[in-house]
Amino acid sequence: MQAKKVILLEFNELCPNLIDKFCAQGKLPNFSKLAAQSQKFITDASCDVEYLEPWIQWVTLHTGVSCEQHRVYRLGEAQNLQQDSIWDRLSKQGLRSWLCGGMNIKYDPNDPNIWALPDPWSADGKASPAELDSFYQFVRANVQEHSNDNFQLSAKDYTKFFNFMLKHGLSLATLKHISSVFWHRFTSDSSGWRKATILDWLQTDVFAYGLKKFNPHFSVLFSNSTAHFQHKYWRYMEPDKFSAPADPAKLAEFGQAIEYAYQNHDKLIGRVLAMADEDTCIMLSSALSQQPFTAEEAQGGRRFYRPTNFDKLVALFELPGLISVMPVMSHQFHIQFASEQQASEAMQILAQANFSNGTPLLKLVLEGDRVFAGCNAKVLLDNEVTFEIEHQPHRFFDYFYMADNIKSGMHHPDGVFWISQQQPSAQQTQRIQLTQATSLILQQFQAT
């Protein structure tokens, strides 16, 4: 029997209450349209706060097992996964899957039933088929260094990417969106924050290309832009929930940023609704959501510091067996070594770097032949602050920069999960465990 097609929209960390609020205000017509024809659930991630991270919870959704079972706790660690994901189970039935940007996914690049574009935070991901790799590499470079003012790709890189997009679905709608983003940037005092939504539109173009060329039974379209805005700008949307006063200029600039992000996703839903035929079931999942982060207001809010140049920083330590340094997200990065022994030795060397007050420079976790690292500084630092390695001082800001904006949003276990039925739905929203959503997806294919 021919399986029904499913398009799963993985819009990271959307908040059920904000969707309801903006829909009630008439600002999300496509969300409202999808909601009216969907069976709606709120999923519960049901885990300790330590494991309430999207790169953990998306693996939970994709496998149907808890994080205690799949044990994938870091971004870029999906290759350690022992359980089958949805697409692995479908492939065994001869069904094709197209994974466009899915977070922390594991897949067999030699499986003819799977097309995959890894998330841009993957340490060593590869697109499949190889023709998509130029998109992945370009996006990965831009996303990982989006907050670094010193980062710049060459004109050749942009030309190569534009030529790729011309052959892989670049749409007039995307060109209009990009033009709008830059119009705002150059005709106002905007800092250019809207540019984070450009990836959504480019990736939707590539997604549409894959739908047409590969004709998959199961498709995933991932987006992180709203999660990004919520983490950065929640204090400007609801300043009354934060004790630290908001800068009036930033309040004026960023006050509508989260609403803009939801409206951006609303437009993407409209595009996907237009792509789907009557045999396609559209699903929407957020895996988890967010809430205001107010725990560190007394110290002015939490800051993040990211290496300006990862290789330059790590070179200070002269680490034996070093193979590569791979940025992940925000202030974090993997350091790869030739062996587990060398990684262990390197961790001891890295742990010797301290600020003048004795606080370690880096937070470190040993993971086999890798060290997972991130800057320990969380508060506003003086421009002259230093750190020491073997009693040798180094100016902190010669090696790090402060990522823009204060942390404003934190994770919440509730997530959105909708299943379109292409007919009016009067059912009330139900609460389920996130692990239960996996079987609801597979039921569309009469698989368990």
Protein backbone atom coordinates (compact mmCIF):
# COMPACT_ATOMS: atom_id res chain seq x y z
CA MET A 1 0.00 0.00 0.00
CA GLN A 2 1.33 3.46 -0.92
CA ALA A 3 2.24 5.38 2.23
CA LYS A 4 0.83 8.82 2.85
CA LYS A 5 3.39 11.60 2.56
CA VAL A 6 4.36 13.56 5.66
CA ILE A 7 6.04 16.95 5.89
CA LEU A 8 7.32 17.59 9.41
CA LEU A 9 8.02 21.25 10.14
CA GLU A 10 10.62 21.34 12.91
CA PHE A 11 10.43 24.95 14.06
CA ASN A 12 12.75 24.91 17.04
CA GLU A 13 11.46 26.05 20.44
CA LEU A 14 8.22 27.73 19.37
CA CYS A 15 6.11 28.57 22.43
CA PRO A 16 2.49 27.34 22.55
CA ASN A 17 1.38 30.43 24.49
CA LEU A 18 2.99 32.86 22.02
CA ILE A 19 1.41 31.07 19.04
CA ASP A 20 -1.97 31.37 20.76
CA LYS A 21 -1.36 35.04 21.58
CA PHE A 22 -0.28 36.08 18.09
CA CYS A 23 -3.02 33.98 16.43
CA ALA A 24 -5.65 35.63 18.62
CA GLN A 25 -4.31 39.01 17.47
CA GLY A 26 -4.72 37.94 13.83
CA LYS A 27 -0.99 38.14 13.14
CA LEU A 28 -0.46 34.48 12.12
CA PRO A 29 -3.03 33.57 9.45
CA ASN A 30 -1.23 30.44 8.26
CA PHE A 31 -0.64 29.13 11.78
CA SER A 32 -4.36 29.70 12.37
CA LYS A 33 -5.28 27.87 9.16
CA LEU A 34 -3.07 24.91 10.03
CA ALA A 35 -4.32 24.84 13.62
CA ALA A 36 -7.97 24.79 12.49
CA GLN A 37 -7.42 21.57 10.55
CA SER A 38 -5.03 19.87 13.00
CA GLN A 39 -5.09 17.56 15.94
CA LYS A 40 -3.10 19.55 18.49
CA PHE A 41 -0.84 18.35 21.29
CA ILE A 42 1.51 19.90 23.80
CA THR A 43 4.49 17.63 24.28
CA ASP A 44 6.39 17.29 27.55
CA ALA A 45 10.14 16.72 27.27
CA SER A 46 10.08 15.17 30.79
CA CYS A 47 13.75 15.51 31.64
CA ASP A 48 16.03 17.29 34.08
CA VAL A 49 16.89 20.90 33.25
CA GLU A 50 20.44 19.79 32.44
CA TYR A 51 19.12 17.78 29.49
CA LEU A 52 16.51 20.27 28.29
CA GLU A 53 18.38 21.15 25.13
CA PRO A 54 17.13 21.01 21.52
CA TRP A 55 20.01 18.83 20.31
CA ILE A 56 18.89 16.26 22.90
CA GLN A 57 15.14 16.57 22.47
CA TRP A 58 15.13 16.36 18.67
CA VAL A 59 16.96 13.04 18.98
CA THR A 60 14.22 11.98 21.40
CA LEU A 61 11.52 12.87 18.87
CA HIS A 62 13.37 11.18 16.01
CA THR A 63 13.87 7.92 17.91
CA GLY A 64 10.94 7.78 20.32
CA VAL A 65 13.18 7.05 23.32
CA SER A 66 14.22 9.24 26.24
CA CYS A 67 17.61 10.88 26.55
CA GLU A 68 18.50 8.37 29.27
CA GLN A 69 18.14 5.69 26.62
CA HIS A 70 19.64 7.32 23.52
CA ARG A 71 22.38 9.10 25.53
CA VAL A 72 23.09 11.73 22.88
CA TYR A 73 23.79 14.74 25.09
CA ARG A 74 25.86 17.04 22.89
CA LEU A 75 25.33 18.82 19.63
CA GLY A 76 27.30 16.94 16.99
CA GLU A 77 27.18 13.60 18.84
CA ALA A 78 24.39 11.96 16.87
CA GLN A 79 26.87 9.53 15.35
CA ASN A 80 26.93 7.80 18.76
CA LEU A 81 23.23 6.98 18.47
CA GLN A 82 22.45 3.26 18.71
CA GLN A 83 18.69 3.39 18.04
CA ASP A 84 17.01 3.72 14.65
CA SER A 85 15.49 7.08 13.78
CA ILE A 86 12.21 7.51 11.92
CA TRP A 87 13.94 7.59 8.54
CA ASP A 88 15.89 4.40 9.26
CA ARG A 89 12.66 2.56 10.03
CA LEU A 90 10.97 3.95 6.94
CA SER A 91 13.91 3.06 4.72
CA LYS A 92 13.55 -0.59 5.76
CA GLN A 93 10.07 -0.41 4.23
CA GLY A 94 11.48 1.11 1.04
CA LEU A 95 10.21 4.60 1.87
CA ARG A 96 12.24 7.72 1.08
CA SER A 97 13.07 10.52 3.53
CA TRP A 98 14.36 14.06 2.93
CA LEU A 99 15.96 15.65 6.01
CA CYS A 100 16.48 19.34 5.33
CA GLY A 101 18.53 20.81 8.15
CA GLY A 102 17.39 18.44 10.92
CA MET A 103 19.25 19.03 14.19
CA ASN A 104 21.70 16.39 15.46
CA ILE A 105 20.62 13.74 12.98
CA LYS A 106 22.34 10.43 12.22
CA TYR A 107 21.85 8.87 8.81
CA ASP A 108 23.58 6.54 6.39
CA PRO A 109 24.91 8.63 3.47
CA ASN A 110 24.97 5.46 1.36
CA ASP A 111 21.27 4.76 1.91
CA PRO A 112 19.53 5.52 -1.42
CA ASN A 113 16.29 6.18 0.48
CA ILE A 114 17.70 9.14 2.41
CA TRP A 115 18.60 12.66 1.40
CA ALA A 116 20.06 14.72 4.24
CA LEU A 117 21.31 18.23 4.84
CA PRO A 118 22.92 18.35 8.33
CA ASP A 119 22.35 21.19 10.75
CA PRO A 120 24.95 23.99 10.49
CA TRP A 121 26.34 23.28 13.99
CA SER A 122 27.48 19.76 13.11
CA ALA A 123 31.17 19.28 13.81
CA ASP A 124 31.88 17.00 10.85
CA GLY A 125 28.62 16.50 8.95
CA LYS A 126 28.33 15.82 5.23
CA ALA A 127 25.37 16.40 2.99
CA SER A 128 23.87 13.56 1.00
CA PRO A 129 23.74 13.64 -1.98
CA ALA A 130 27.07 15.41 -2.39
CA GLU A 131 25.52 18.05 -4.65
CA LEU A 132 24.05 19.66 -1.51
CA ASP A 133 27.38 19.96 0.29
CA SER A 134 28.21 23.43 -1.02
CA PHE A 135 24.98 24.73 0.55
CA TYR A 136 25.82 23.03 3.84
CA GLN A 137 29.39 24.35 3.98
CA PHE A 138 28.39 27.93 3.12
CA VAL A 139 25.56 28.02 5.66
CA ARG A 140 27.68 26.34 8.35
CA ALA A 141 30.39 28.99 8.02
CA ASN A 142 27.89 31.86 8.23
CA VAL A 143 25.84 30.45 11.11
CA GLN A 144 28.78 29.50 13.30
CA GLU A 145 30.39 32.93 12.94
CA HIS A 146 27.25 35.09 12.72
CA SER A 147 28.21 37.13 15.79
CA ASN A 148 31.85 37.61 14.78
CA ASP A 149 32.30 40.99 13.08
CA ASN A 150 35.74 39.96 11.85
CA PHE A 151 34.42 36.98 9.89
CA GLN A 152 33.95 37.45 6.15
CA LEU A 153 33.64 35.07 3.21
CA SER A 154 35.10 35.97 -0.16
CA ALA A 155 33.25 37.22 -3.22
CA LYS A 156 34.11 33.87 -4.82
CA ASP A 157 32.32 32.05 -1.99
CA TYR A 158 29.18 34.13 -2.47
CA THR A 159 29.24 33.67 -6.24
CA LYS A 160 29.56 29.91 -5.86
CA PHE A 161 26.66 29.84 -3.43
CA PHE A 162 24.46 32.00 -5.65
CA ASN A 163 25.14 29.69 -8.60
CA PHE A 164 24.19 26.71 -6.42
CA MET A 165 20.91 28.35 -5.45
CA LEU A 166 20.07 29.17 -9.06
CA LYS A 167 20.21 25.44 -9.81
CA HIS A 168 18.48 24.33 -6.60
CA GLY A 169 15.21 26.19 -6.34
CA LEU A 170 15.99 29.86 -5.64
CA SER A 171 12.58 31.53 -5.64
CA LEU A 172 11.33 35.04 -6.28
CA ALA A 173 9.74 34.97 -2.80
CA THR A 174 13.18 34.42 -1.23
CA LEU A 175 14.77 37.19 -3.27
CA LYS A 176 12.00 39.54 -2.12
CA HIS A 177 12.56 38.53 1.50
CA ILE A 178 16.31 39.09 1.26
CA SER A 179 15.70 42.49 -0.34
CA SER A 180 13.33 43.41 2.50
CA VAL A 181 15.89 42.42 5.12
CA PHE A 182 18.60 44.58 3.60
CA TRP A 183 16.17 47.44 2.95
CA HIS A 184 15.50 47.57 6.69
CA ARG A 185 19.20 47.32 7.40
CA PHE A 186 20.23 50.25 5.23
CA THR A 187 17.24 52.58 5.64
CA SER A 188 17.01 52.53 9.43
CA ASP A 189 19.19 52.30 12.50
CA SER A 190 18.66 48.53 12.60
CA SER A 191 21.64 46.38 13.51
CA GLY A 192 20.65 43.89 10.84
CA TRP A 193 19.08 41.34 13.21
CA ARG A 194 16.49 40.33 10.57
CA LYS A 195 19.21 38.65 8.51
CA ALA A 196 18.92 35.56 10.75
CA THR A 197 15.70 34.72 8.88
CA ILE A 198 17.37 34.57 5.45
CA LEU A 199 18.51 30.99 6.02
CA ASP A 200 14.87 29.96 6.56
CA TRP A 201 13.93 31.12 3.09
CA LEU A 202 16.98 29.72 1.31
CA GLN A 203 16.55 26.39 3.08
CA THR A 204 12.85 26.31 2.16
CA ASP A 205 13.86 26.76 -1.49
CA VAL A 206 16.26 23.82 -1.24
CA PHE A 207 13.56 21.86 0.61
CA ALA A 208 11.13 22.47 -2.27
CA TYR A 209 13.81 21.37 -4.73
CA GLY A 210 14.27 18.11 -2.82
CA LEU A 211 10.51 17.48 -2.69
CA LYS A 212 10.28 17.78 -6.44
CA LYS A 213 13.46 15.89 -7.40
CA PHE A 214 13.52 13.13 -4.74
CA ASN A 215 9.75 12.76 -4.20
CA PRO A 216 10.14 11.64 -0.55
CA HIS A 217 7.48 10.01 1.59
CA PHE A 218 8.76 11.69 4.76
CA SER A 219 10.29 15.17 4.81
CA VAL A 220 11.73 17.38 7.53
CA LEU A 221 12.21 21.15 7.28
CA PHE A 222 14.11 22.57 10.25
CA SER A 223 14.39 26.20 11.33
CA ASN A 224 16.10 27.77 14.35
CA SER A 225 15.44 31.49 13.81
CA THR A 226 12.65 31.96 16.36
CA ALA A 227 14.63 30.11 19.03
CA HIS A 228 17.55 32.43 18.28
CA PHE A 229 15.38 35.55 18.65
CA GLN A 230 13.76 34.34 21.87
CA HIS A 231 17.12 33.65 23.53
CA LYS A 232 18.35 37.11 22.61
CA TYR A 233 15.35 39.43 22.64
CA TRP A 234 12.75 38.22 25.13
CA ARG A 235 13.65 41.00 27.60
CA TYR A 236 12.70 43.56 24.95
CA MET A 237 9.34 41.90 24.22
CA GLU A 238 8.37 41.71 27.91
CA PRO A 239 10.70 44.10 29.79
CA ASP A 240 8.45 44.07 32.86
CA LYS A 241 9.49 40.46 33.57
CA PHE A 242 13.16 41.44 34.00
CA SER A 243 14.61 43.44 36.87
CA ALA A 244 17.58 44.79 34.92
CA PRO A 245 16.33 47.86 33.00
CA ALA A 246 16.27 47.55 29.22
CA ASP A 247 18.26 50.00 27.13
CA PRO A 248 15.61 52.30 25.53
CA ALA A 249 17.35 52.19 22.15
CA LYS A 250 17.45 48.38 22.18
CA LEU A 251 13.87 48.27 23.39
CA ALA A 252 12.82 50.30 20.37
CA GLU A 253 14.86 48.19 17.97
CA PHE A 254 14.20 44.69 19.31
CA GLY A 255 10.78 45.02 20.94
CA GLN A 256 9.00 43.46 17.95
CA ALA A 257 11.75 40.99 17.00
CA ILE A 258 10.08 37.87 18.39
CA GLU A 259 6.73 38.77 16.85
CA TYR A 260 8.58 39.27 13.55
CA ALA A 261 10.13 35.80 13.93
CA TYR A 262 6.72 34.15 14.36
CA GLN A 263 5.34 36.06 11.39
CA ASN A 264 8.34 34.90 9.36
CA HIS A 265 7.51 31.30 10.23
CA ASP A 266 3.89 31.99 9.38
CA LYS A 267 4.95 32.87 5.85
CA LEU A 268 7.00 29.67 5.62
CA ILE A 269 3.96 27.65 6.69
CA GLY A 270 2.05 29.34 3.89
CA ARG A 271 4.71 28.26 1.42
CA VAL A 272 4.61 24.67 2.65
CA LEU A 273 0.80 24.56 2.56
CA ALA A 274 1.07 25.53 -1.10
CA MET A 275 3.58 22.71 -1.74
CA ALA A 276 1.42 19.98 -0.18
CA ASP A 277 -1.15 17.98 -2.12
CA GLU A 278 -4.22 16.26 -0.68
CA ASP A 279 -2.19 13.14 0.15
CA THR A 280 0.28 15.05 2.31
CA CYS A 281 -0.01 15.33 6.08
CA ILE A 282 1.70 18.43 7.47
CA MET A 283 2.98 18.21 11.03
CA LEU A 284 4.45 20.93 13.21
CA SER A 285 6.80 20.26 16.11
CA SER A 286 8.94 22.49 18.31
CA ALA A 287 10.36 19.70 20.58
CA LEU A 288 10.46 22.18 23.49
CA SER A 289 9.85 25.90 24.01
CA GLN A 290 11.18 28.88 25.95
CA GLN A 291 10.38 31.18 28.84
CA PRO A 292 12.01 34.36 30.20
CA PHE A 293 15.48 33.83 31.71
CA THR A 294 15.63 35.95 34.86
CA ALA A 295 17.90 33.92 37.15
CA GLU A 296 20.97 36.17 36.78
CA GLU A 297 19.45 39.63 36.64
CA ALA A 298 21.24 40.71 39.84
CA GLN A 299 24.59 40.46 38.05
CA GLY A 300 23.33 42.20 34.92
CA GLY A 301 22.26 39.09 33.03
CA ARG A 302 24.29 36.28 31.51
CA ARG A 303 26.88 37.07 28.84
CA PHE A 304 28.64 34.78 26.37
CA TYR A 305 32.22 35.05 25.15
CA ARG A 306 33.32 33.27 21.99
CA PRO A 307 36.85 32.80 20.64
CA THR A 308 37.63 35.28 17.87
CA ASN A 309 39.81 32.63 16.25
CA PHE A 310 39.53 29.09 17.63
CA ASP A 311 42.84 27.87 16.20
CA LYS A 312 44.69 30.89 17.61
CA LEU A 313 43.30 30.26 21.09
CA VAL A 314 44.07 26.55 21.14
CA ALA A 315 47.58 27.15 19.75
CA LEU A 316 48.44 28.90 23.04
CA PHE A 317 48.42 25.52 24.79
CA GLU A 318 50.70 23.54 22.40
CA LEU A 319 48.50 20.45 22.75
CA PRO A 320 49.99 17.09 21.68
CA GLY A 321 47.99 15.05 19.19
CA LEU A 322 45.75 17.95 18.18
CA ILE A 323 43.84 17.25 14.96
CA SER A 324 41.26 20.00 14.67
CA VAL A 325 39.07 22.55 16.46
CA MET A 326 35.38 22.53 15.55
CA PRO A 327 33.05 25.36 16.63
CA VAL A 328 29.60 24.31 17.79
CA MET A 329 27.11 26.89 19.07
CA SER A 330 27.49 30.14 21.01
CA HIS A 331 30.70 29.91 23.10
CA GLN A 332 31.30 26.17 22.73
CA PHE A 333 33.66 24.07 20.58
CA HIS A 334 35.07 20.55 20.17
CA ILE A 335 38.83 19.88 20.16
CA GLN A 336 39.69 16.65 18.36
CA PHE A 337 42.79 14.58 19.20
CA ALA A 338 44.50 11.57 17.71
CA SER A 339 43.72 9.37 20.71
CA GLU A 340 41.74 9.28 23.95
CA GLN A 341 44.97 9.39 25.93
CA GLN A 342 46.07 12.59 24.21
CA ALA A 343 42.63 14.12 24.75
CA SER A 344 42.90 13.32 28.46
CA GLU A 345 46.36 14.87 28.66
CA ALA A 346 45.20 17.94 26.75
CA MET A 347 42.29 18.45 29.10
CA GLN A 348 44.69 18.65 32.03
CA ILE A 349 46.73 21.28 30.17
CA LEU A 350 43.64 23.30 29.22
CA ALA A 351 42.40 23.20 32.81
CA GLN A 352 45.49 25.18 33.92
CA ALA A 353 44.24 28.38 32.27
CA ASN A 354 42.65 30.67 34.87
CA PHE A 355 41.45 34.22 35.34
CA SER A 356 43.31 36.28 37.94
CA ASN A 357 40.69 35.41 40.58
CA GLY A 358 41.38 31.70 40.08
CA THR A 359 38.26 30.95 38.02
CA PRO A 360 39.02 28.50 35.18
CA LEU A 361 39.04 30.12 31.76
CA LEU A 362 37.27 27.17 30.15
CA LYS A 363 34.54 24.74 31.10
CA LEU A 364 35.77 21.33 29.91
CA VAL A 365 34.23 17.91 29.36
CA LEU A 366 36.28 14.89 28.23
CA GLU A 367 34.46 12.87 25.57
CA GLY A 368 36.63 10.05 24.26
CA ASP A 369 39.16 11.48 21.82
CA ARG A 370 37.57 14.94 22.04
CA VAL A 371 37.42 17.72 24.60
CA PHE A 372 34.21 19.73 24.65
CA ALA A 373 35.03 23.28 25.71
CA GLY A 374 33.45 26.67 26.26
CA CYS A 375 34.40 29.96 27.85
CA ASN A 376 33.49 30.09 31.56
CA ALA A 377 32.93 33.86 31.73
CA LYS A 378 29.26 34.82 32.18
CA VAL A 379 29.35 38.43 33.40
CA LEU A 380 30.38 41.74 31.84
CA LEU A 381 34.19 41.87 31.83
CA ASP A 382 36.54 44.82 31.94
CA ASN A 383 38.47 45.50 28.74
CA GLU A 384 41.80 44.89 30.50
CA VAL A 385 40.93 41.53 32.05
CA THR A 386 43.54 38.80 31.59
CA PHE A 387 43.93 35.07 31.97
CA GLU A 388 47.07 33.10 32.76
CA ILE A 389 48.62 29.96 31.29
CA GLU A 390 51.62 28.73 33.32
CA HIS A 391 51.85 32.18 34.99
CA GLN A 392 52.02 33.90 31.60
CA PRO A 393 49.27 36.57 31.29
CA HIS A 394 47.22 37.05 28.12
CA ARG A 395 44.70 39.79 27.41
CA PHE A 396 41.29 38.13 27.33
CA PHE A 397 39.91 40.24 24.51
CA ASP A 398 42.88 39.43 22.29
CA TYR A 399 41.33 35.95 22.03
CA PHE A 400 37.62 36.37 22.82
CA TYR A 401 34.78 38.71 21.99
CA MET A 402 31.42 39.15 23.69
CA ALA A 403 28.54 37.79 21.63
CA ASP A 404 25.84 40.42 21.19
CA ASN A 405 22.96 40.81 23.64
CA ILE A 406 22.26 39.33 27.06
CA LYS A 407 20.65 35.92 27.45
CA SER A 408 16.91 36.55 27.68
CA GLY A 409 15.17 33.23 27.03
CA MET A 410 15.63 29.80 28.61
CA HIS A 411 14.22 26.40 27.72
CA HIS A 412 10.85 25.07 28.83
CA PRO A 413 9.73 21.41 28.54
CA ASP A 414 6.43 22.14 26.75
CA GLY A 415 6.48 21.83 22.98
CA VAL A 416 4.09 22.19 20.06
CA PHE A 417 2.97 19.13 18.09
CA TRP A 418 0.25 19.39 15.44
CA ILE A 419 -1.01 16.83 12.92
CA SER A 420 -3.00 18.25 10.02
CA GLN A 421 -6.11 16.35 8.99
CA GLN A 422 -7.06 18.66 6.07
CA GLN A 423 -10.50 19.08 7.58
CA PRO A 424 -11.87 21.16 10.45
CA SER A 425 -10.83 19.85 13.86
CA ALA A 426 -12.82 20.51 17.02
CA GLN A 427 -10.57 18.47 19.28
CA GLN A 428 -9.11 20.07 22.37
CA THR A 429 -5.33 20.30 22.78
CA GLN A 430 -4.01 17.21 24.54
CA ARG A 431 -0.83 16.74 26.57
CA ILE A 432 1.49 13.86 25.69
CA GLN A 433 5.10 12.85 26.31
CA LEU A 434 7.53 13.89 23.60
CA THR A 435 8.41 10.22 23.07
CA GLN A 436 4.77 9.52 22.13
CA ALA A 437 4.92 11.92 19.19
CA THR A 438 7.26 9.57 17.32
CA SER A 439 4.66 6.82 17.10
CA LEU A 440 2.06 9.38 15.92
CA ILE A 441 4.38 10.23 13.02
CA LEU A 442 4.97 6.59 12.16
CA GLN A 443 1.25 5.83 12.31
CA GLN A 444 0.83 7.92 9.17
CA PHE A 445 2.74 5.17 7.39
CA GLN A 446 0.98 2.37 9.27
CA ALA A 447 4.33 1.55 10.85
CA THR A 448 5.19 1.00 14.51
